[in-house]
Amino acid sequence: MTPERLYRVVSAPLISEKATLVAESSNQVVFKVVLDANKAEIKKAVEKLFSVKVSQVRTMRVKGKRKLN
């Protein structure tokens, strides 16, 4: 994995009420990532960028809300 890809995989930390509750209760962090990244790429990117040991990666796709016209 190239260094450019590392920075592209992890876009930003997700700050929301649910993410804050998860971080406080179970020592987990929530990130926004690119759609074409797999779990192995996400794990490598987080370990290299933040110098931590990742034990497990969970992913989910969230559909956006529809606008009323």
C-alpha atoms as a PDB file:
ATOM      1  CA  MET A   1       0.000   0.000   0.000  1.00  0.00           C
ATOM      2  CA  THR A   2       1.452   3.351  -1.024  1.00  0.00           C
ATOM      3  CA  PRO A   3       1.669   6.268   1.432  1.00  0.00           C
ATOM      4  CA  GLU A   4      -0.787   8.240  -0.708  1.00  0.00           C
ATOM      5  CA  ARG A   5      -3.319   5.437  -0.423  1.00  0.00           C
ATOM      6  CA  LEU A   6      -2.932   5.415   3.385  1.00  0.00           C
ATOM      7  CA  TYR A   7      -3.989   9.038   3.593  1.00  0.00           C
ATOM      8  CA  ARG A   8      -6.836   8.507   1.127  1.00  0.00           C
ATOM      9  CA  VAL A   9      -8.338   5.471   2.919  1.00  0.00           C
ATOM     10  CA  VAL A  10      -9.055   7.237   6.220  1.00  0.00           C
ATOM     11  CA  SER A  11     -10.868  10.486   5.436  1.00  0.00           C
ATOM     12  CA  ALA A  12     -11.779  11.853   8.863  1.00  0.00           C
ATOM     13  CA  PRO A  13     -12.943  10.846  12.326  1.00  0.00           C
ATOM     14  CA  LEU A  14     -16.712  10.709  12.665  1.00  0.00           C
ATOM     15  CA  ILE A  15     -17.993  12.955  15.430  1.00  0.00           C
ATOM     16  CA  SER A  16     -21.563  12.190  16.425  1.00  0.00           C
ATOM     17  CA  GLU A  17     -23.502  11.349  19.545  1.00  0.00           C
ATOM     18  CA  LYS A  18     -23.443   7.632  18.796  1.00  0.00           C
ATOM     19  CA  ALA A  19     -19.721   7.644  17.967  1.00  0.00           C
ATOM     20  CA  THR A  20     -18.966   9.428  21.240  1.00  0.00           C
ATOM     21  CA  LEU A  21     -20.952   6.867  23.239  1.00  0.00           C
ATOM     22  CA  VAL A  22     -19.109   3.998  21.523  1.00  0.00           C
ATOM     23  CA  ALA A  23     -15.735   5.634  22.164  1.00  0.00           C
ATOM     24  CA  GLU A  24     -16.455   6.118  25.859  1.00  0.00           C
ATOM     25  CA  SER A  25     -17.984   2.728  26.539  1.00  0.00           C
ATOM     26  CA  SER A  26     -15.889   0.282  24.530  1.00  0.00           C
ATOM     27  CA  ASN A  27     -12.647   2.071  23.577  1.00  0.00           C
ATOM     28  CA  GLN A  28     -13.450   2.244  19.847  1.00  0.00           C
ATOM     29  CA  VAL A  29     -12.959   5.015  17.304  1.00  0.00           C
ATOM     30  CA  VAL A  30     -15.187   5.748  14.295  1.00  0.00           C
ATOM     31  CA  PHE A  31     -13.721   6.948  10.975  1.00  0.00           C
ATOM     32  CA  LYS A  32     -15.087   7.906   7.582  1.00  0.00           C
ATOM     33  CA  VAL A  33     -13.327   5.850   4.909  1.00  0.00           C
ATOM     34  CA  VAL A  34     -13.483   5.580   1.124  1.00  0.00           C
ATOM     35  CA  LEU A  35     -16.035   3.149  -0.276  1.00  0.00           C
ATOM     36  CA  ASP A  36     -13.546   0.972  -2.173  1.00  0.00           C
ATOM     37  CA  ALA A  37     -11.372   0.232   0.899  1.00  0.00           C
ATOM     38  CA  ASN A  38     -11.525  -3.224   2.438  1.00  0.00           C
ATOM     39  CA  LYS A  39     -10.988  -4.161   6.089  1.00  0.00           C
ATOM     40  CA  ALA A  40      -7.321  -5.070   5.633  1.00  0.00           C
ATOM     41  CA  GLU A  41      -6.545  -1.692   4.044  1.00  0.00           C
ATOM     42  CA  ILE A  42      -8.399   0.168   6.798  1.00  0.00           C
ATOM     43  CA  LYS A  43      -6.523  -1.757   9.482  1.00  0.00           C
ATOM     44  CA  LYS A  44      -3.115  -1.067   7.896  1.00  0.00           C
ATOM     45  CA  ALA A  45      -3.920   2.613   7.384  1.00  0.00           C
ATOM     46  CA  VAL A  46      -5.025   3.191  10.978  1.00  0.00           C
ATOM     47  CA  GLU A  47      -2.044   1.272  12.394  1.00  0.00           C
ATOM     48  CA  LYS A  48       0.479   3.223  10.297  1.00  0.00           C
ATOM     49  CA  LEU A  49      -1.100   6.667  10.678  1.00  0.00           C
ATOM     50  CA  PHE A  50      -1.782   6.543  14.423  1.00  0.00           C
ATOM     51  CA  SER A  51       0.887   4.034  15.613  1.00  0.00           C
ATOM     52  CA  VAL A  52      -1.632   1.802  17.365  1.00  0.00           C
ATOM     53  CA  LYS A  53      -2.497  -1.897  17.299  1.00  0.00           C
ATOM     54  CA  VAL A  54      -5.900  -2.565  15.723  1.00  0.00           C
ATOM     55  CA  SER A  55      -7.633  -5.682  16.990  1.00  0.00           C
ATOM     56  CA  GLN A  56     -10.783  -5.622  14.852  1.00  0.00           C
ATOM     57  CA  VAL A  57     -12.326  -3.572  12.041  1.00  0.00           C
ATOM     58  CA  ARG A  58     -16.077  -3.231  11.596  1.00  0.00           C
ATOM     59  CA  THR A  59     -17.555  -1.530   8.553  1.00  0.00           C
ATOM     60  CA  MET A  60     -20.988  -0.349   7.549  1.00  0.00           C
ATOM     61  CA  ARG A  61     -22.478   1.662   4.709  1.00  0.00           C
ATOM     62  CA  VAL A  62     -24.858   4.417   5.653  1.00  0.00           C
ATOM     63  CA  LYS A  63     -27.343   5.593   3.075  1.00  0.00           C
ATOM     64  CA  GLY A  64     -27.968   9.310   2.921  1.00  0.00           C
ATOM     65  CA  LYS A  65     -31.275  10.887   3.768  1.00  0.00           C
ATOM     66  CA  ARG A  66     -33.613  11.827   0.931  1.00  0.00           C
ATOM     67  CA  LYS A  67     -34.464  15.445   0.359  1.00  0.00           C
ATOM     68  CA  LEU A  68     -38.098  16.429   0.122  1.00  0.00           C
ATOM     69  CA  ASN A  69     -38.940  18.520  -2.922  1.00  0.00           C
END
